[in-house]
């Protein structure tokens, strides 16, 4: 399936810790986003779909792996977390 991208894109580096945080570039998630990406640059992070995600329950994204999710009409939450005691610099993007 082809997803037409006609909106703006936003990106930044986010430090992911062992406290779950939402994948969003600004204070509010971009409500027109169609694709989100995450790329941890110095460790492993995990993603899930609510703020209860942990390293034990989330799906791993490995160091330097580019992870992409096409939203396909799902404009909900994506949450990121690192292992206990870790801080992982992660490059994120939201594209509309």
N, C-alpha and C. Protein backbone atom coordinates (compact mmCIF):
# COMPACT_ATOMS: atom_id res chain seq x y z
N UNK A 1 0.84 -1.17 0.00
CA UNK A 1 0.00 0.00 0.00
C UNK A 1 0.89 1.24 0.00
N UNK A 2 0.53 2.20 -0.78
CA UNK A 2 1.27 3.45 -0.87
C UNK A 2 0.58 4.51 -0.03
N UNK A 3 1.33 5.17 0.84
CA UNK A 3 0.80 6.24 1.66
C UNK A 3 1.34 7.56 1.13
N UNK A 4 0.43 8.43 0.68
CA UNK A 4 0.85 9.73 0.17
C UNK A 4 1.23 10.63 1.34
N UNK A 5 2.40 11.21 1.25
CA UNK A 5 2.87 12.14 2.29
C UNK A 5 2.81 13.54 1.71
N UNK A 6 1.94 14.36 2.26
CA UNK A 6 1.83 15.72 1.75
C UNK A 6 1.91 16.77 2.84
N UNK A 7 2.15 16.33 4.06
CA UNK A 7 2.23 17.28 5.15
C UNK A 7 3.68 17.52 5.56
N UNK A 8 3.87 18.31 6.57
CA UNK A 8 5.23 18.57 7.04
C UNK A 8 5.78 17.38 7.81
N UNK A 9 7.07 17.40 8.03
CA UNK A 9 7.73 16.42 8.86
C UNK A 9 8.44 17.12 10.01
N UNK A 10 8.52 16.44 11.13
CA UNK A 10 9.17 16.99 12.31
C UNK A 10 10.15 15.96 12.84
N UNK A 11 11.28 16.39 13.38
CA UNK A 11 12.26 15.45 13.90
C UNK A 11 13.06 16.07 15.03
N UNK A 12 13.66 15.21 15.87
CA UNK A 12 14.55 15.67 16.93
C UNK A 12 15.24 14.46 17.55
N UNK A 13 16.22 14.73 18.36
CA UNK A 13 16.85 13.69 19.16
C UNK A 13 16.17 13.68 20.52
N UNK A 14 15.83 12.51 20.99
CA UNK A 14 15.13 12.32 22.25
C UNK A 14 15.96 11.38 23.11
N UNK A 15 16.14 11.69 24.38
CA UNK A 15 16.82 10.78 25.28
C UNK A 15 15.78 9.89 25.94
N UNK A 16 15.81 8.61 25.60
CA UNK A 16 14.85 7.65 26.14
C UNK A 16 15.45 7.04 27.41
N UNK A 17 14.67 7.05 28.48
CA UNK A 17 15.12 6.51 29.77
C UNK A 17 14.24 5.32 30.16
N UNK A 18 14.39 4.87 31.40
CA UNK A 18 13.58 3.75 31.86
C UNK A 18 12.17 4.18 32.32
N UNK A 19 11.83 5.43 32.09
CA UNK A 19 10.46 5.91 32.28
C UNK A 19 9.84 6.07 30.89
N UNK A 20 8.74 5.39 30.63
CA UNK A 20 8.13 5.43 29.30
C UNK A 20 7.78 6.87 28.91
N UNK A 21 8.06 7.20 27.64
CA UNK A 21 7.69 8.51 27.12
C UNK A 21 7.15 8.35 25.71
N UNK A 22 6.22 9.24 25.38
CA UNK A 22 5.56 9.13 24.09
C UNK A 22 6.47 9.58 22.96
N UNK A 23 6.39 8.88 21.83
CA UNK A 23 7.13 9.27 20.63
C UNK A 23 6.37 10.45 20.02
N UNK A 24 6.90 11.63 20.25
CA UNK A 24 6.35 12.86 19.67
C UNK A 24 7.46 13.89 19.68
N UNK A 25 7.48 14.72 18.67
CA UNK A 25 8.54 15.70 18.53
C UNK A 25 8.27 16.94 19.37
N UNK A 26 7.05 17.42 19.35
CA UNK A 26 6.69 18.62 20.10
C UNK A 26 5.93 18.24 21.36
N UNK A 27 5.36 19.20 22.05
CA UNK A 27 4.65 18.90 23.29
C UNK A 27 3.38 18.09 23.03
N UNK A 28 2.82 18.20 21.83
CA UNK A 28 1.66 17.40 21.42
C UNK A 28 2.05 16.56 20.22
N UNK A 29 1.50 15.35 20.12
CA UNK A 29 1.80 14.54 18.94
C UNK A 29 1.16 15.17 17.71
N UNK A 30 1.82 15.07 16.58
CA UNK A 30 1.35 15.64 15.32
C UNK A 30 0.12 14.84 14.89
N UNK A 31 -1.05 15.47 14.89
CA UNK A 31 -2.29 14.74 14.66
C UNK A 31 -2.51 14.33 13.21
N UNK A 32 -1.69 14.80 12.30
CA UNK A 32 -1.80 14.40 10.89
C UNK A 32 -0.72 13.38 10.49
N UNK A 33 0.01 12.86 11.46
CA UNK A 33 1.13 11.99 11.12
C UNK A 33 0.65 10.70 10.48
N UNK A 34 1.44 10.26 9.52
CA UNK A 34 1.15 9.01 8.82
C UNK A 34 2.27 8.00 9.01
N UNK A 35 3.45 8.50 9.32
CA UNK A 35 4.60 7.62 9.57
C UNK A 35 5.35 8.18 10.78
N UNK A 36 5.79 7.30 11.66
CA UNK A 36 6.70 7.68 12.73
C UNK A 36 7.95 6.81 12.61
N UNK A 37 9.09 7.36 13.00
CA UNK A 37 10.33 6.60 12.97
C UNK A 37 11.08 6.80 14.28
N UNK A 38 11.91 5.82 14.60
CA UNK A 38 12.79 5.92 15.76
C UNK A 38 14.08 5.18 15.43
N UNK A 39 15.21 5.75 15.84
CA UNK A 39 16.52 5.12 15.63
C UNK A 39 17.40 5.38 16.85
N UNK A 40 17.52 4.37 17.74
CA UNK A 40 18.41 4.54 18.89
C UNK A 40 19.86 4.53 18.43
N UNK A 41 20.66 5.49 18.90
CA UNK A 41 22.03 5.58 18.41
C UNK A 41 23.07 4.99 19.35
N UNK A 42 22.68 4.70 20.59
CA UNK A 42 23.70 4.19 21.51
C UNK A 42 23.17 3.15 22.51
N UNK A 43 22.17 2.39 22.08
CA UNK A 43 21.63 1.34 22.95
C UNK A 43 20.35 0.79 22.38
N UNK A 44 19.66 -0.02 23.16
CA UNK A 44 18.40 -0.64 22.77
C UNK A 44 17.25 0.09 23.45
N UNK A 45 16.17 0.31 22.70
CA UNK A 45 14.94 0.83 23.27
C UNK A 45 13.81 -0.15 22.94
N UNK A 46 12.66 0.07 23.55
CA UNK A 46 11.50 -0.79 23.35
C UNK A 46 10.29 0.09 23.10
N UNK A 47 9.36 -0.38 22.25
CA UNK A 47 8.16 0.40 22.00
C UNK A 47 6.91 -0.40 22.36
N UNK A 48 5.86 0.36 22.65
CA UNK A 48 4.54 -0.19 22.94
C UNK A 48 3.51 0.88 22.70
N UNK A 49 2.26 0.59 23.02
CA UNK A 49 1.18 1.49 22.65
C UNK A 49 0.46 2.12 23.83
N UNK A 50 1.10 2.09 24.99
CA UNK A 50 0.60 2.85 26.13
C UNK A 50 1.76 3.13 27.08
N UNK A 51 1.51 3.95 28.08
CA UNK A 51 2.59 4.37 28.97
C UNK A 51 2.99 3.31 30.00
N UNK A 52 2.44 2.13 29.88
CA UNK A 52 2.81 1.02 30.76
C UNK A 52 3.89 0.13 30.15
N UNK A 53 4.37 0.47 28.94
CA UNK A 53 5.39 -0.35 28.28
C UNK A 53 6.66 -0.37 29.12
N UNK A 54 7.30 -1.53 29.17
CA UNK A 54 8.58 -1.70 29.86
C UNK A 54 9.53 -2.45 28.94
N UNK A 55 10.76 -2.57 29.35
CA UNK A 55 11.73 -3.35 28.58
C UNK A 55 11.28 -4.81 28.49
N UNK A 56 10.58 -5.29 29.50
CA UNK A 56 10.12 -6.67 29.52
C UNK A 56 8.90 -6.90 28.61
N UNK A 57 8.07 -5.87 28.42
CA UNK A 57 6.83 -6.06 27.65
C UNK A 57 6.88 -5.46 26.25
N UNK A 58 7.79 -4.53 26.01
CA UNK A 58 7.86 -3.85 24.72
C UNK A 58 8.60 -4.65 23.66
N UNK A 59 8.54 -4.16 22.44
CA UNK A 59 9.25 -4.76 21.31
C UNK A 59 10.55 -4.00 21.10
N UNK A 60 11.66 -4.72 20.99
CA UNK A 60 12.99 -4.10 20.93
C UNK A 60 13.26 -3.41 19.59
N UNK A 61 13.94 -2.27 19.68
CA UNK A 61 14.55 -1.60 18.54
C UNK A 61 16.03 -1.51 18.89
N UNK A 62 16.88 -2.15 18.10
CA UNK A 62 18.28 -2.27 18.44
C UNK A 62 19.10 -1.05 18.02
N UNK A 63 20.25 -0.91 18.62
CA UNK A 63 21.16 0.20 18.34
C UNK A 63 21.35 0.37 16.83
N UNK A 64 21.16 1.59 16.36
CA UNK A 64 21.32 2.00 14.96
C UNK A 64 20.28 1.41 14.00
N UNK A 65 19.31 0.65 14.51
CA UNK A 65 18.23 0.13 13.67
C UNK A 65 17.22 1.25 13.42
N UNK A 66 16.83 1.45 12.18
CA UNK A 66 15.79 2.42 11.87
C UNK A 66 14.45 1.69 11.90
N UNK A 67 13.59 2.09 12.83
CA UNK A 67 12.26 1.50 12.96
C UNK A 67 11.25 2.48 12.40
N UNK A 68 10.33 1.97 11.59
CA UNK A 68 9.30 2.82 10.97
C UNK A 68 7.95 2.16 11.17
N UNK A 69 6.96 2.99 11.48
CA UNK A 69 5.59 2.49 11.57
C UNK A 69 4.69 3.38 10.75
N UNK A 70 4.01 2.76 9.81
CA UNK A 70 3.00 3.48 9.03
C UNK A 70 1.72 3.47 9.86
N UNK A 71 1.19 4.62 10.11
CA UNK A 71 0.07 4.74 11.03
C UNK A 71 -1.23 4.19 10.44
N UNK A 72 -1.42 4.27 9.12
CA UNK A 72 -2.59 3.69 8.45
C UNK A 72 -3.90 3.99 9.17
N UNK A 73 -4.10 5.23 9.49
CA UNK A 73 -5.33 5.64 10.14
C UNK A 73 -5.27 5.59 11.66
N UNK A 74 -4.21 5.02 12.21
CA UNK A 74 -4.05 4.96 13.67
C UNK A 74 -3.25 6.17 14.09
N UNK A 75 -3.89 7.10 14.75
CA UNK A 75 -3.21 8.32 15.17
C UNK A 75 -2.97 8.31 16.68
N UNK A 76 -2.94 7.14 17.25
CA UNK A 76 -2.78 6.99 18.68
C UNK A 76 -1.35 7.10 19.15
N UNK A 77 -1.13 6.58 20.30
CA UNK A 77 0.13 6.75 21.01
C UNK A 77 1.12 5.64 20.68
N UNK A 78 2.39 6.02 20.59
CA UNK A 78 3.51 5.09 20.54
C UNK A 78 4.46 5.53 21.66
N UNK A 79 4.80 4.61 22.53
CA UNK A 79 5.62 4.92 23.70
C UNK A 79 6.96 4.21 23.61
N UNK A 80 8.01 4.85 24.11
CA UNK A 80 9.37 4.31 24.09
C UNK A 80 9.91 4.23 25.51
N UNK A 81 10.76 3.23 25.74
CA UNK A 81 11.39 3.06 27.06
C UNK A 81 12.73 2.35 26.86
N UNK A 82 13.64 2.57 27.78
CA UNK A 82 14.95 1.90 27.76
C UNK A 82 15.04 0.93 28.94
N UNK A 83 16.09 0.14 28.96
CA UNK A 83 16.33 -0.75 30.09
C UNK A 83 16.54 0.06 31.37
N UNK A 84 16.30 -0.57 32.50
CA UNK A 84 16.47 0.06 33.80
C UNK A 84 17.86 0.67 33.94
N UNK A 85 17.90 1.95 34.32
CA UNK A 85 19.16 2.64 34.54
C UNK A 85 19.85 3.13 33.29
N UNK A 86 19.24 2.95 32.12
CA UNK A 86 19.86 3.36 30.85
C UNK A 86 19.24 4.64 30.32
N UNK A 87 20.03 5.39 29.56
CA UNK A 87 19.58 6.55 28.79
C UNK A 87 20.09 6.35 27.38
N UNK A 88 19.18 6.34 26.42
CA UNK A 88 19.54 6.04 25.03
C UNK A 88 19.12 7.21 24.14
N UNK A 89 20.08 7.84 23.49
CA UNK A 89 19.77 8.91 22.54
C UNK A 89 19.10 8.27 21.33
N UNK A 90 17.94 8.81 20.96
CA UNK A 90 17.13 8.24 19.89
C UNK A 90 16.68 9.35 18.96
N UNK A 91 16.88 9.17 17.68
CA UNK A 91 16.40 10.14 16.70
C UNK A 91 14.99 9.72 16.29
N UNK A 92 14.05 10.66 16.39
CA UNK A 92 12.66 10.36 16.09
C UNK A 92 12.14 11.32 15.03
N UNK A 93 11.07 10.89 14.34
CA UNK A 93 10.43 11.74 13.34
C UNK A 93 8.95 11.42 13.26
N UNK A 94 8.16 12.43 12.91
CA UNK A 94 6.75 12.28 12.59
C UNK A 94 6.56 12.95 11.23
N UNK A 95 5.89 12.25 10.33
CA UNK A 95 5.70 12.76 8.97
C UNK A 95 4.23 12.65 8.60
N UNK A 96 3.71 13.71 7.95
CA UNK A 96 2.30 13.71 7.56
C UNK A 96 2.13 13.57 6.08
